[in-house]
């Protein structure tokens, strides 16, 4: 194959791809597929879903609440506790 014919074939194939007509059906199909849930997001049909373990949830939230309340008290309460501990004693040494 001559270089001129090869170049013409390459040019014809790239122009065919570049001038591909807009397909409404292809666009609609792609939009419909984008709404389809991923296989891992689908609910199982052959078995029941696992029920929630409310005991574990209460334990987890309760332990986090204890840590959060303690940290909240320390972070926002240290000026009050420092004032109570050092009230009237600063510079008395």
Protein backbone atom coordinates (compact mmCIF):
# COMPACT_ATOMS: atom_id res chain seq x y z
CA UNK A 1 0.00 0.00 0.00
CA UNK A 2 1.35 3.34 -0.96
CA UNK A 3 1.82 6.06 1.68
CA UNK A 4 -0.72 8.26 -0.07
CA UNK A 5 -3.42 5.59 0.04
CA UNK A 6 -2.57 4.72 3.67
CA UNK A 7 -2.81 8.36 4.67
CA UNK A 8 -6.15 8.69 2.85
CA UNK A 9 -7.47 5.61 4.67
CA UNK A 10 -6.41 6.99 8.06
CA UNK A 11 -7.93 10.36 7.28
CA UNK A 12 -11.21 8.76 6.14
CA UNK A 13 -11.48 6.65 9.31
CA UNK A 14 -10.78 9.59 11.64
CA UNK A 15 -13.23 11.82 9.80
CA UNK A 16 -15.89 9.11 10.02
CA UNK A 17 -15.45 9.01 13.79
CA UNK A 18 -15.34 12.79 14.11
CA UNK A 19 -18.49 13.33 12.06
CA UNK A 20 -20.55 10.59 13.70
CA UNK A 21 -24.15 11.68 13.89
CA UNK A 22 -25.75 12.46 17.23
CA UNK A 23 -27.99 9.60 18.28
CA UNK A 24 -30.95 10.49 20.46
CA UNK A 25 -31.64 6.84 21.18
CA UNK A 26 -28.06 6.22 22.32
CA UNK A 27 -28.23 9.25 24.61
CA UNK A 28 -31.58 8.16 26.06
CA UNK A 29 -30.22 4.63 26.63
CA UNK A 30 -27.16 6.00 28.44
CA UNK A 31 -29.34 8.24 30.61
CA UNK A 32 -31.58 5.29 31.50
CA UNK A 33 -28.53 3.19 32.38
CA UNK A 34 -27.22 5.92 34.65
CA UNK A 35 -30.37 5.59 36.78
CA UNK A 36 -29.98 1.83 37.12
CA UNK A 37 -28.60 0.93 40.55
CA UNK A 38 -25.23 -0.70 40.83
CA UNK A 39 -25.40 -4.47 41.53
CA UNK A 40 -23.97 -3.91 45.01
CA UNK A 41 -26.68 -1.33 45.77
CA UNK A 42 -29.58 -3.60 44.83
CA UNK A 43 -31.60 -5.30 47.52
CA UNK A 44 -31.24 -9.09 47.47
CA UNK A 45 -34.17 -11.07 46.10
CA UNK A 46 -33.20 -14.57 47.20
CA UNK A 47 -32.65 -13.77 50.89
CA UNK A 48 -33.88 -11.40 53.55
CA UNK A 49 -31.81 -8.42 54.53
CA UNK A 50 -30.02 -8.59 57.86
CA UNK A 51 -31.85 -6.85 60.67
CA UNK A 52 -30.23 -3.98 62.52
CA UNK A 53 -28.37 -4.67 65.74
CA UNK A 54 -29.88 -1.96 67.91
CA UNK A 55 -27.96 -3.08 70.98
CA UNK A 56 -24.64 -2.44 69.25
CA UNK A 57 -25.89 0.91 67.97
CA UNK A 58 -26.97 2.06 71.45
CA UNK A 59 -23.65 0.92 72.93
CA UNK A 60 -21.66 2.72 70.22
CA UNK A 61 -23.63 5.95 70.46
CA UNK A 62 -23.57 5.84 74.26
CA UNK A 63 -19.80 5.41 74.44
CA UNK A 64 -19.32 8.20 71.91
CA UNK A 65 -21.64 10.46 73.91
CA UNK A 66 -19.60 9.88 77.08
CA UNK A 67 -16.36 10.77 75.30
CA UNK A 68 -17.96 13.75 73.55
CA UNK A 69 -19.49 15.14 76.76
CA UNK A 70 -16.20 14.71 78.64
CA UNK A 71 -14.19 16.38 75.89
CA UNK A 72 -16.77 19.15 75.58
CA UNK A 73 -16.49 19.83 79.32
CA UNK A 74 -12.69 19.89 79.27
CA UNK A 75 -12.34 22.05 76.16
CA UNK A 76 -14.97 24.63 77.05
CA UNK A 77 -14.75 24.39 80.83
CA UNK A 78 -11.04 24.80 81.45
CA UNK A 79 -11.20 28.61 81.85
CA UNK A 80 -13.86 28.26 84.55
CA UNK A 81 -11.96 25.53 86.39
CA UNK A 82 -8.69 27.52 86.15
CA UNK A 83 -10.41 30.62 87.56
CA UNK A 84 -11.84 28.61 90.45
CA UNK A 85 -8.50 26.94 91.21
CA UNK A 86 -6.38 30.12 90.98
CA UNK A 87 -8.87 32.73 92.21
CA UNK A 88 -7.06 35.17 94.47
CA UNK A 89 -3.85 33.15 94.53
CA UNK A 90 -2.08 34.51 91.47
CA UNK A 91 0.94 36.57 92.51
CA UNK A 92 0.59 35.66 96.21
CA UNK A 93 3.71 33.51 96.29
